[in-house]
Amino acid sequence: MDQFNKLVDHVKSLEADFQKFYEKGQGAAGTRLRKGLSELKKLAQDVRNDIQTVRQSRKEQKGS
C-alpha cells in the first residue's frame, strides 16, 4: 500500500499546478505539470514492475 500512497500523494501534489495552468493560464505551471506527470509515469511503471515481480514469486511458490 506504500506504493499506492506515493502515487496518490504525487497526484495530489500536482493539483495546484493543474489549477494554475488550466484556470489561470499560467504557462510555467504547465511546465511543472508536465514534469510532474513524467515523474508520475515513472512511479506507475515502478509499481507495474513490482506487481510483475510479486506475481512471479507467488507463481514460483505455488509450484514448489
N, C-alpha and C. Protein backbone atom coordinates (compact mmCIF):
# COMPACT_ATOMS: atom_id res chain seq x y z
N MET A 1 0.82 -1.20 0.00
CA MET A 1 0.00 0.00 0.00
C MET A 1 0.86 1.26 0.00
N ASP A 2 2.11 1.12 0.39
CA ASP A 2 3.01 2.28 0.41
C ASP A 2 3.16 2.87 -0.99
N GLN A 3 3.25 2.01 -1.98
CA GLN A 3 3.40 2.50 -3.35
C GLN A 3 2.13 3.22 -3.81
N PHE A 4 0.98 2.72 -3.42
CA PHE A 4 -0.28 3.37 -3.77
C PHE A 4 -0.33 4.76 -3.15
N ASN A 5 0.07 4.84 -1.89
CA ASN A 5 0.07 6.14 -1.20
C ASN A 5 1.02 7.13 -1.86
N LYS A 6 2.16 6.64 -2.35
CA LYS A 6 3.09 7.51 -3.07
C LYS A 6 2.43 8.05 -4.33
N LEU A 7 1.73 7.19 -5.06
CA LEU A 7 1.04 7.64 -6.28
C LEU A 7 -0.02 8.69 -5.96
N VAL A 8 -0.83 8.42 -4.94
CA VAL A 8 -1.90 9.35 -4.56
C VAL A 8 -1.30 10.68 -4.11
N ASP A 9 -0.27 10.63 -3.29
CA ASP A 9 0.37 11.86 -2.82
C ASP A 9 0.93 12.67 -3.99
N HIS A 10 1.52 11.97 -4.95
CA HIS A 10 2.09 12.67 -6.09
C HIS A 10 1.00 13.34 -6.93
N VAL A 11 -0.10 12.65 -7.15
CA VAL A 11 -1.21 13.24 -7.90
C VAL A 11 -1.76 14.46 -7.16
N LYS A 12 -1.90 14.35 -5.86
CA LYS A 12 -2.39 15.49 -5.07
C LYS A 12 -1.44 16.68 -5.15
N SER A 13 -0.14 16.40 -5.22
CA SER A 13 0.84 17.49 -5.30
C SER A 13 0.75 18.24 -6.63
N LEU A 14 0.15 17.62 -7.63
CA LEU A 14 0.03 18.27 -8.94
C LEU A 14 -1.23 19.14 -9.05
N GLU A 15 -2.13 19.03 -8.09
CA GLU A 15 -3.42 19.72 -8.17
C GLU A 15 -3.28 21.23 -8.34
N ALA A 16 -2.41 21.84 -7.58
CA ALA A 16 -2.25 23.30 -7.64
C ALA A 16 -1.79 23.73 -9.02
N ASP A 17 -0.85 23.00 -9.60
CA ASP A 17 -0.38 23.36 -10.93
C ASP A 17 -1.44 23.13 -12.00
N PHE A 18 -2.29 22.11 -11.82
CA PHE A 18 -3.41 21.91 -12.74
C PHE A 18 -4.30 23.15 -12.73
N GLN A 19 -4.63 23.62 -11.54
CA GLN A 19 -5.49 24.78 -11.42
C GLN A 19 -4.83 26.03 -12.00
N LYS A 20 -3.57 26.23 -11.68
CA LYS A 20 -2.86 27.41 -12.18
C LYS A 20 -2.78 27.40 -13.71
N PHE A 21 -2.56 26.23 -14.28
CA PHE A 21 -2.42 26.16 -15.73
C PHE A 21 -3.76 26.28 -16.44
N TYR A 22 -4.73 25.48 -16.03
CA TYR A 22 -6.00 25.44 -16.75
C TYR A 22 -6.95 26.59 -16.40
N GLU A 23 -6.94 27.02 -15.16
CA GLU A 23 -7.89 28.05 -14.76
C GLU A 23 -7.30 29.47 -14.83
N LYS A 24 -6.02 29.57 -14.55
CA LYS A 24 -5.41 30.91 -14.51
C LYS A 24 -4.53 31.18 -15.72
N GLY A 25 -4.25 30.14 -16.51
CA GLY A 25 -3.47 30.32 -17.73
C GLY A 25 -1.99 30.55 -17.52
N GLN A 26 -1.45 30.10 -16.42
CA GLN A 26 -0.02 30.29 -16.15
C GLN A 26 0.80 29.23 -16.89
N GLY A 27 1.63 29.68 -17.82
CA GLY A 27 2.42 28.78 -18.63
C GLY A 27 3.46 28.00 -17.84
N ALA A 28 4.08 28.63 -16.86
CA ALA A 28 5.11 27.95 -16.06
C ALA A 28 4.52 26.77 -15.30
N ALA A 29 3.27 26.90 -14.90
CA ALA A 29 2.60 25.79 -14.20
C ALA A 29 2.46 24.59 -15.14
N GLY A 30 2.26 24.85 -16.42
CA GLY A 30 2.18 23.77 -17.40
C GLY A 30 3.49 23.01 -17.50
N THR A 31 4.60 23.72 -17.44
CA THR A 31 5.92 23.08 -17.48
C THR A 31 6.11 22.20 -16.25
N ARG A 32 5.77 22.74 -15.08
CA ARG A 32 5.88 21.95 -13.84
C ARG A 32 4.96 20.74 -13.89
N LEU A 33 3.78 20.93 -14.45
CA LEU A 33 2.81 19.86 -14.56
C LEU A 33 3.31 18.74 -15.46
N ARG A 34 3.88 19.10 -16.59
CA ARG A 34 4.43 18.08 -17.50
C ARG A 34 5.55 17.30 -16.82
N LYS A 35 6.40 18.00 -16.08
CA LYS A 35 7.48 17.32 -15.36
C LYS A 35 6.90 16.38 -14.30
N GLY A 36 5.90 16.87 -13.58
CA GLY A 36 5.26 16.05 -12.54
C GLY A 36 4.59 14.82 -13.12
N LEU A 37 3.96 14.98 -14.28
CA LEU A 37 3.30 13.84 -14.92
C LEU A 37 4.33 12.82 -15.42
N SER A 38 5.46 13.31 -15.85
CA SER A 38 6.54 12.41 -16.25
C SER A 38 7.02 11.58 -15.05
N GLU A 39 7.13 12.23 -13.90
CA GLU A 39 7.52 11.52 -12.68
C GLU A 39 6.44 10.52 -12.27
N LEU A 40 5.18 10.91 -12.46
CA LEU A 40 4.07 10.01 -12.16
C LEU A 40 4.13 8.76 -13.04
N LYS A 41 4.46 8.96 -14.28
CA LYS A 41 4.60 7.83 -15.21
C LYS A 41 5.70 6.88 -14.72
N LYS A 42 6.81 7.44 -14.25
CA LYS A 42 7.90 6.60 -13.74
C LYS A 42 7.46 5.84 -12.50
N LEU A 43 6.76 6.52 -11.58
CA LEU A 43 6.26 5.84 -10.38
C LEU A 43 5.31 4.71 -10.75
N ALA A 44 4.42 4.97 -11.69
CA ALA A 44 3.45 3.95 -12.12
C ALA A 44 4.19 2.76 -12.75
N GLN A 45 5.21 3.02 -13.52
CA GLN A 45 5.97 1.93 -14.14
C GLN A 45 6.68 1.11 -13.07
N ASP A 46 7.20 1.77 -12.04
CA ASP A 46 7.85 1.05 -10.94
C ASP A 46 6.85 0.12 -10.24
N VAL A 47 5.61 0.60 -10.05
CA VAL A 47 4.58 -0.23 -9.44
C VAL A 47 4.25 -1.42 -10.34
N ARG A 48 4.12 -1.17 -11.62
CA ARG A 48 3.83 -2.26 -12.57
C ARG A 48 4.93 -3.34 -12.51
N ASN A 49 6.18 -2.90 -12.47
CA ASN A 49 7.29 -3.85 -12.39
C ASN A 49 7.26 -4.64 -11.09
N ASP A 50 6.93 -3.96 -9.99
CA ASP A 50 6.85 -4.63 -8.70
C ASP A 50 5.72 -5.66 -8.70
N ILE A 51 4.59 -5.31 -9.29
CA ILE A 51 3.47 -6.25 -9.38
C ILE A 51 3.90 -7.50 -10.13
N GLN A 52 4.61 -7.32 -11.23
CA GLN A 52 5.07 -8.46 -12.02
C GLN A 52 6.00 -9.34 -11.21
N THR A 53 6.88 -8.72 -10.44
CA THR A 53 7.82 -9.47 -9.61
C THR A 53 7.08 -10.27 -8.54
N VAL A 54 6.12 -9.65 -7.88
CA VAL A 54 5.35 -10.33 -6.83
C VAL A 54 4.55 -11.48 -7.43
N ARG A 55 3.92 -11.25 -8.56
CA ARG A 55 3.14 -12.31 -9.21
C ARG A 55 4.03 -13.50 -9.56
N GLN A 56 5.21 -13.20 -10.09
CA GLN A 56 6.13 -14.26 -10.47
C GLN A 56 6.59 -15.06 -9.25
N SER A 57 6.89 -14.36 -8.16
CA SER A 57 7.35 -15.07 -6.96
C SER A 57 6.23 -15.92 -6.37
N ARG A 58 5.00 -15.42 -6.42
CA ARG A 58 3.85 -16.23 -5.94
C ARG A 58 3.66 -17.46 -6.80
N LYS A 59 3.83 -17.30 -8.08
CA LYS A 59 3.68 -18.42 -9.01
C LYS A 59 4.74 -19.48 -8.73
N GLU A 60 5.96 -19.02 -8.45
CA GLU A 60 7.05 -19.96 -8.16
C GLU A 60 6.81 -20.67 -6.82
N GLN A 61 6.24 -19.98 -5.84
CA GLN A 61 5.97 -20.60 -4.54
C GLN A 61 4.89 -21.66 -4.67
N LYS A 62 3.90 -21.43 -5.51
CA LYS A 62 2.86 -22.42 -5.71
C LYS A 62 3.42 -23.68 -6.36
N GLY A 63 4.38 -23.49 -7.25
CA GLY A 63 4.96 -24.62 -7.95
C GLY A 63 5.90 -25.44 -7.09
N SER A 64 6.35 -24.90 -5.97
CA SER A 64 7.30 -25.61 -5.10
C SER A 64 6.66 -26.68 -4.29
